[in-house]
Amino acid sequence: MGKDGAKGLYQLCCAGWQTIVQDQASCVVYGMPKAAVELGAAAKILSINAISSALCNIFVNYF
């Protein structure tokens, strides 16, 4: 479960995109984030509460 999404995230990461996955502690099911971490597809591993702030920072810095 989750490996197809992790492979897609890996492609985005390799293309230079900022990739974020949810950390294990705040996940109900850690399938896709775990697969992404194992593939090296996650630039950041954050809690569910920290993801929105990180996305806002990326957006602000992009424009």
PDB file of N, CA and C in Angstrom:
ATOM      1  N   MET A   1       0.830  -1.185   0.000  1.00  0.00           N
ATOM      2  CA  MET A   1       0.000   0.000   0.000  1.00  0.00           C
ATOM      3  C   MET A   1       0.872   1.246   0.000  1.00  0.00           C
ATOM      4  N   GLY A   2       0.620   2.166  -0.916  1.00  0.00           N
ATOM      5  CA  GLY A   2       1.298   3.447  -0.899  1.00  0.00           C
ATOM      6  C   GLY A   2       2.531   3.561  -1.752  1.00  0.00           C
ATOM      7  N   LYS A   3       2.997   2.468  -2.317  1.00  0.00           N
ATOM      8  CA  LYS A   3       4.245   2.555  -3.075  1.00  0.00           C
ATOM      9  C   LYS A   3       4.090   3.295  -4.392  1.00  0.00           C
ATOM     10  N   ASP A   4       2.921   3.223  -5.019  1.00  0.00           N
ATOM     11  CA  ASP A   4       2.733   3.955  -6.268  1.00  0.00           C
ATOM     12  C   ASP A   4       2.791   5.460  -6.025  1.00  0.00           C
ATOM     13  N   GLY A   5       2.189   5.922  -4.942  1.00  0.00           N
ATOM     14  CA  GLY A   5       2.258   7.344  -4.592  1.00  0.00           C
ATOM     15  C   GLY A   5       3.674   7.767  -4.236  1.00  0.00           C
ATOM     16  N   ALA A   6       4.389   6.903  -3.560  1.00  0.00           N
ATOM     17  CA  ALA A   6       5.767   7.202  -3.184  1.00  0.00           C
ATOM     18  C   ALA A   6       6.655   7.319  -4.411  1.00  0.00           C
ATOM     19  N   LYS A   7       6.416   6.479  -5.399  1.00  0.00           N
ATOM     20  CA  LYS A   7       7.198   6.553  -6.635  1.00  0.00           C
ATOM     21  C   LYS A   7       6.938   7.862  -7.375  1.00  0.00           C
ATOM     22  N   GLY A   8       5.685   8.285  -7.392  1.00  0.00           N
ATOM     23  CA  GLY A   8       5.346   9.567  -8.004  1.00  0.00           C
ATOM     24  C   GLY A   8       5.985  10.725  -7.262  1.00  0.00           C
ATOM     25  N   LEU A   9       5.977  10.659  -5.922  1.00  0.00           N
ATOM     26  CA  LEU A   9       6.612  11.702  -5.116  1.00  0.00           C
ATOM     27  C   LEU A   9       8.111  11.728  -5.362  1.00  0.00           C
ATOM     28  N   TYR A  10       8.706  10.562  -5.543  1.00  0.00           N
ATOM     29  CA  TYR A  10      10.137  10.481  -5.832  1.00  0.00           C
ATOM     30  C   TYR A  10      10.464  11.183  -7.156  1.00  0.00           C
ATOM     31  N   GLN A  11       9.610  10.998  -8.142  1.00  0.00           N
ATOM     32  CA  GLN A  11       9.825  11.672  -9.423  1.00  0.00           C
ATOM     33  C   GLN A  11       9.752  13.185  -9.258  1.00  0.00           C
ATOM     34  N   LEU A  12       8.802  13.657  -8.467  1.00  0.00           N
ATOM     35  CA  LEU A  12       8.702  15.094  -8.205  1.00  0.00           C
ATOM     36  C   LEU A  12       9.940  15.599  -7.466  1.00  0.00           C
ATOM     37  N   CYS A  13      10.392  14.834  -6.488  1.00  0.00           N
ATOM     38  CA  CYS A  13      11.583  15.209  -5.724  1.00  0.00           C
ATOM     39  C   CYS A  13      12.804  15.304  -6.639  1.00  0.00           C
ATOM     40  N   CYS A  14      12.950  14.333  -7.522  1.00  0.00           N
ATOM     41  CA  CYS A  14      14.077  14.336  -8.461  1.00  0.00           C
ATOM     42  C   CYS A  14      14.002  15.499  -9.443  1.00  0.00           C
ATOM     43  N   ALA A  15      12.791  15.989  -9.694  1.00  0.00           N
ATOM     44  CA  ALA A  15      12.603  17.117 -10.602  1.00  0.00           C
ATOM     45  C   ALA A  15      12.792  18.456  -9.891  1.00  0.00           C
ATOM     46  N   GLY A  16      13.125  18.415  -8.599  1.00  0.00           N
ATOM     47  CA  GLY A  16      13.410  19.642  -7.863  1.00  0.00           C
ATOM     48  C   GLY A  16      12.247  20.214  -7.069  1.00  0.00           C
ATOM     49  N   TRP A  17      11.140  19.506  -7.007  1.00  0.00           N
ATOM     50  CA  TRP A  17       9.993  19.976  -6.227  1.00  0.00           C
ATOM     51  C   TRP A  17      10.273  19.789  -4.738  1.00  0.00           C
ATOM     52  N   GLN A  18       9.657  20.622  -3.918  1.00  0.00           N
ATOM     53  CA  GLN A  18       9.709  20.458  -2.468  1.00  0.00           C
ATOM     54  C   GLN A  18       8.722  19.365  -2.094  1.00  0.00           C
ATOM     55  N   THR A  19       9.172  18.301  -1.503  1.00  0.00           N
ATOM     56  CA  THR A  19       8.293  17.194  -1.148  1.00  0.00           C
ATOM     57  C   THR A  19       8.212  17.047   0.364  1.00  0.00           C
ATOM     58  N   ILE A  20       6.996  16.867   0.839  1.00  0.00           N
ATOM     59  CA  ILE A  20       6.732  16.771   2.273  1.00  0.00           C
ATOM     60  C   ILE A  20       5.865  15.538   2.518  1.00  0.00           C
ATOM     61  N   VAL A  21       6.208  14.782   3.546  1.00  0.00           N
ATOM     62  CA  VAL A  21       5.358  13.682   3.983  1.00  0.00           C
ATOM     63  C   VAL A  21       5.062  13.837   5.466  1.00  0.00           C
ATOM     64  N   GLN A  22       3.973  13.229   5.869  1.00  0.00           N
ATOM     65  CA  GLN A  22       3.549  13.261   7.263  1.00  0.00           C
ATOM     66  C   GLN A  22       4.387  12.292   8.086  1.00  0.00           C
ATOM     67  N   ASP A  23       4.755  12.709   9.289  1.00  0.00           N
ATOM     68  CA  ASP A  23       5.559  11.840  10.154  1.00  0.00           C
ATOM     69  C   ASP A  23       4.729  10.696  10.729  1.00  0.00           C
ATOM     70  N   GLN A  24       5.409   9.684  11.170  1.00  0.00           N
ATOM     71  CA  GLN A  24       4.741   8.478  11.674  1.00  0.00           C
ATOM     72  C   GLN A  24       3.910   8.769  12.921  1.00  0.00           C
ATOM     73  N   ALA A  25       4.395   9.640  13.783  1.00  0.00           N
ATOM     74  CA  ALA A  25       3.710   9.900  15.045  1.00  0.00           C
ATOM     75  C   ALA A  25       2.315  10.497  14.853  1.00  0.00           C
ATOM     76  N   SER A  26       2.116  11.252  13.780  1.00  0.00           N
ATOM     77  CA  SER A  26       0.813  11.890  13.580  1.00  0.00           C
ATOM     78  C   SER A  26      -0.054  11.186  12.533  1.00  0.00           C
ATOM     79  N   CYS A  27       0.415  10.064  12.011  1.00  0.00           N
ATOM     80  CA  CYS A  27      -0.344   9.306  11.004  1.00  0.00           C
ATOM     81  C   CYS A  27      -1.243   8.256  11.651  1.00  0.00           C
ATOM     82  N   VAL A  28      -2.400   8.050  11.042  1.00  0.00           N
ATOM     83  CA  VAL A  28      -3.238   6.907  11.414  1.00  0.00           C
ATOM     84  C   VAL A  28      -2.702   5.671  10.705  1.00  0.00           C
ATOM     85  N   VAL A  29      -2.395   5.833   9.407  1.00  0.00           N
ATOM     86  CA  VAL A  29      -1.788   4.773   8.606  1.00  0.00           C
ATOM     87  C   VAL A  29      -0.518   5.350   7.999  1.00  0.00           C
ATOM     88  N   TYR A  30       0.608   4.757   8.263  1.00  0.00           N
ATOM     89  CA  TYR A  30       1.902   5.296   7.837  1.00  0.00           C
ATOM     90  C   TYR A  30       2.398   4.675   6.532  1.00  0.00           C
ATOM     91  N   GLY A  31       1.517   4.076   5.734  1.00  0.00           N
ATOM     92  CA  GLY A  31       1.920   3.351   4.527  1.00  0.00           C
ATOM     93  C   GLY A  31       2.644   4.189   3.493  1.00  0.00           C
ATOM     94  N   MET A  32       1.982   5.168   2.899  1.00  0.00           N
ATOM     95  CA  MET A  32       2.596   5.964   1.837  1.00  0.00           C
ATOM     96  C   MET A  32       3.743   6.826   2.351  1.00  0.00           C
ATOM     97  N   PRO A  33       3.584   7.529   3.490  1.00  0.00           N
ATOM     98  CA  PRO A  33       4.738   8.292   3.972  1.00  0.00           C
ATOM     99  C   PRO A  33       5.957   7.409   4.238  1.00  0.00           C
ATOM    100  N   LYS A  34       5.734   6.229   4.795  1.00  0.00           N
ATOM    101  CA  LYS A  34       6.845   5.317   5.067  1.00  0.00           C
ATOM    102  C   LYS A  34       7.536   4.904   3.770  1.00  0.00           C
ATOM    103  N   ALA A  35       6.742   4.556   2.762  1.00  0.00           N
ATOM    104  CA  ALA A  35       7.310   4.164   1.470  1.00  0.00           C
ATOM    105  C   ALA A  35       8.098   5.313   0.860  1.00  0.00           C
ATOM    106  N   ALA A  36       7.587   6.539   0.986  1.00  0.00           N
ATOM    107  CA  ALA A  36       8.283   7.707   0.443  1.00  0.00           C
ATOM    108  C   ALA A  36       9.599   7.955   1.173  1.00  0.00           C
ATOM    109  N   VAL A  37       9.579   7.829   2.482  1.00  0.00           N
ATOM    110  CA  VAL A  37      10.808   8.010   3.269  1.00  0.00           C
ATOM    111  C   VAL A  37      11.834   6.965   2.874  1.00  0.00           C
ATOM    112  N   GLU A  38      11.404   5.725   2.742  1.00  0.00           N
ATOM    113  CA  GLU A  38      12.322   4.638   2.381  1.00  0.00           C
ATOM    114  C   GLU A  38      12.926   4.843   0.989  1.00  0.00           C
ATOM    115  N   LEU A  39      12.176   5.459   0.072  1.00  0.00           N
ATOM    116  CA  LEU A  39      12.687   5.728  -1.281  1.00  0.00           C
ATOM    117  C   LEU A  39      13.582   6.971  -1.343  1.00  0.00           C
ATOM    118  N   GLY A  40      13.567   7.766  -0.291  1.00  0.00           N
ATOM    119  CA  GLY A  40      14.308   9.022  -0.308  1.00  0.00           C
ATOM    120  C   GLY A  40      13.541  10.114  -1.050  1.00  0.00           C
ATOM    121  N   ALA A  41      12.216   9.990  -1.088  1.00  0.00           N
ATOM    122  CA  ALA A  41      11.382  10.920  -1.845  1.00  0.00           C
ATOM    123  C   ALA A  41      10.911  12.109  -1.021  1.00  0.00           C
ATOM    124  N   ALA A  42      11.176  12.114   0.254  1.00  0.00           N
ATOM    125  CA  ALA A  42      10.682  13.171   1.137  1.00  0.00           C
ATOM    126  C   ALA A  42      11.792  14.140   1.506  1.00  0.00           C
ATOM    127  N   ALA A  43      11.644  15.381   1.055  1.00  0.00           N
ATOM    128  CA  ALA A  43      12.611  16.409   1.459  1.00  0.00           C
ATOM    129  C   ALA A  43      12.391  16.782   2.921  1.00  0.00           C
ATOM    130  N   LYS A  44      11.127  16.738   3.363  1.00  0.00           N
ATOM    131  CA  LYS A  44      10.787  17.052   4.748  1.00  0.00           C
ATOM    132  C   LYS A  44       9.802  16.019   5.264  1.00  0.00           C
ATOM    133  N   ILE A  45       9.951  15.666   6.533  1.00  0.00           N
ATOM    134  CA  ILE A  45       9.037  14.762   7.222  1.00  0.00           C
ATOM    135  C   ILE A  45       8.498  15.548   8.410  1.00  0.00           C
ATOM    136  N   LEU A  46       7.211  15.902   8.355  1.00  0.00           N
ATOM    137  CA  LEU A  46       6.635  16.810   9.338  1.00  0.00           C
ATOM    138  C   LEU A  46       5.362  16.256   9.951  1.00  0.00           C
ATOM    139  N   SER A  47       5.013  16.787  11.117  1.00  0.00           N
ATOM    140  CA  SER A  47       3.738  16.429  11.732  1.00  0.00           C
ATOM    141  C   SER A  47       2.607  17.045  10.915  1.00  0.00           C
ATOM    142  N   ILE A  48       1.420  16.528  11.088  1.00  0.00           N
ATOM    143  CA  ILE A  48       0.265  17.040  10.365  1.00  0.00           C
ATOM    144  C   ILE A  48       0.067  18.532  10.654  1.00  0.00           C
ATOM    145  N   ASN A  49       0.361  18.960  11.859  1.00  0.00           N
ATOM    146  CA  ASN A  49       0.199  20.362  12.226  1.00  0.00           C
ATOM    147  C   ASN A  49       1.241  21.268  11.585  1.00  0.00           C
ATOM    148  N   ALA A  50       2.395  20.747  11.251  1.00  0.00           N
ATOM    149  CA  ALA A  50       3.465  21.561  10.677  1.00  0.00           C
ATOM    150  C   ALA A  50       3.414  21.628   9.151  1.00  0.00           C
ATOM    151  N   ILE A  51       2.677  20.735   8.523  1.00  0.00           N
ATOM    152  CA  ILE A  51       2.657  20.690   7.056  1.00  0.00           C
ATOM    153  C   ILE A  51       2.066  21.957   6.455  1.00  0.00           C
ATOM    154  N   SER A  52       0.973  22.462   7.000  1.00  0.00           N
ATOM    155  CA  SER A  52       0.348  23.657   6.417  1.00  0.00           C
ATOM    156  C   SER A  52       1.276  24.863   6.490  1.00  0.00           C
ATOM    157  N   SER A  53       1.981  25.040   7.589  1.00  0.00           N
ATOM    158  CA  SER A  53       2.929  26.156   7.709  1.00  0.00           C
ATOM    159  C   SER A  53       4.066  26.012   6.705  1.00  0.00           C
ATOM    160  N   ALA A  54       4.553  24.797   6.538  1.00  0.00           N
ATOM    161  CA  ALA A  54       5.632  24.562   5.578  1.00  0.00           C
ATOM    162  C   ALA A  54       5.166  24.876   4.160  1.00  0.00           C
ATOM    163  N   LEU A  55       3.937  24.478   3.828  1.00  0.00           N
ATOM    164  CA  LEU A  55       3.410  24.774   2.496  1.00  0.00           C
ATOM    165  C   LEU A  55       3.248  26.273   2.283  1.00  0.00           C
ATOM    166  N   CYS A  56       2.781  26.975   3.309  1.00  0.00           N
ATOM    167  CA  CYS A  56       2.654  28.433   3.203  1.00  0.00           C
ATOM    168  C   CYS A  56       4.014  29.077   2.993  1.00  0.00           C
ATOM    169  N   ASN A  57       5.034  28.604   3.695  1.00  0.00           N
ATOM    170  CA  ASN A  57       6.391  29.153   3.541  1.00  0.00           C
ATOM    171  C   ASN A  57       6.931  28.894   2.137  1.00  0.00           C
ATOM    172  N   ILE A  58       6.694  27.719   1.604  1.00  0.00           N
ATOM    173  CA  ILE A  58       7.134  27.408   0.261  1.00  0.00           C
ATOM    174  C   ILE A  58       6.441  28.325  -0.734  1.00  0.00           C
ATOM    175  N   PHE A  59       5.147  28.498  -0.559  1.00  0.00           N
ATOM    176  CA  PHE A  59       4.360  29.350  -1.461  1.00  0.00           C
ATOM    177  C   PHE A  59       4.837  30.794  -1.409  1.00  0.00           C
ATOM    178  N   VAL A  60       5.050  31.324  -0.223  1.00  0.00           N
ATOM    179  CA  VAL A  60       5.499  32.717  -0.061  1.00  0.00           C
ATOM    180  C   VAL A  60       6.880  32.899  -0.682  1.00  0.00           C
ATOM    181  N   ASN A  61       7.776  31.957  -0.485  1.00  0.00           N
ATOM    182  CA  ASN A  61       9.125  32.059  -1.018  1.00  0.00           C
ATOM    183  C   ASN A  61       9.163  31.846  -2.529  1.00  0.00           C
ATOM    184  N   TYR A  62       8.176  31.134  -3.056  1.00  0.00           N
ATOM    185  CA  TYR A  62       8.131  30.885  -4.502  1.00  0.00           C
ATOM    186  C   TYR A  62       7.781  32.140  -5.273  1.00  0.00           C
ATOM    187  N   PHE A  63       6.861  32.925  -4.713  1.00  0.00           N
ATOM    188  CA  PHE A  63       6.427  34.148  -5.399  1.00  0.00           C
ATOM    189  C   PHE A  63       7.096  35.298  -4.749  1.00  0.00           C
TER     190      PHE A  63
END
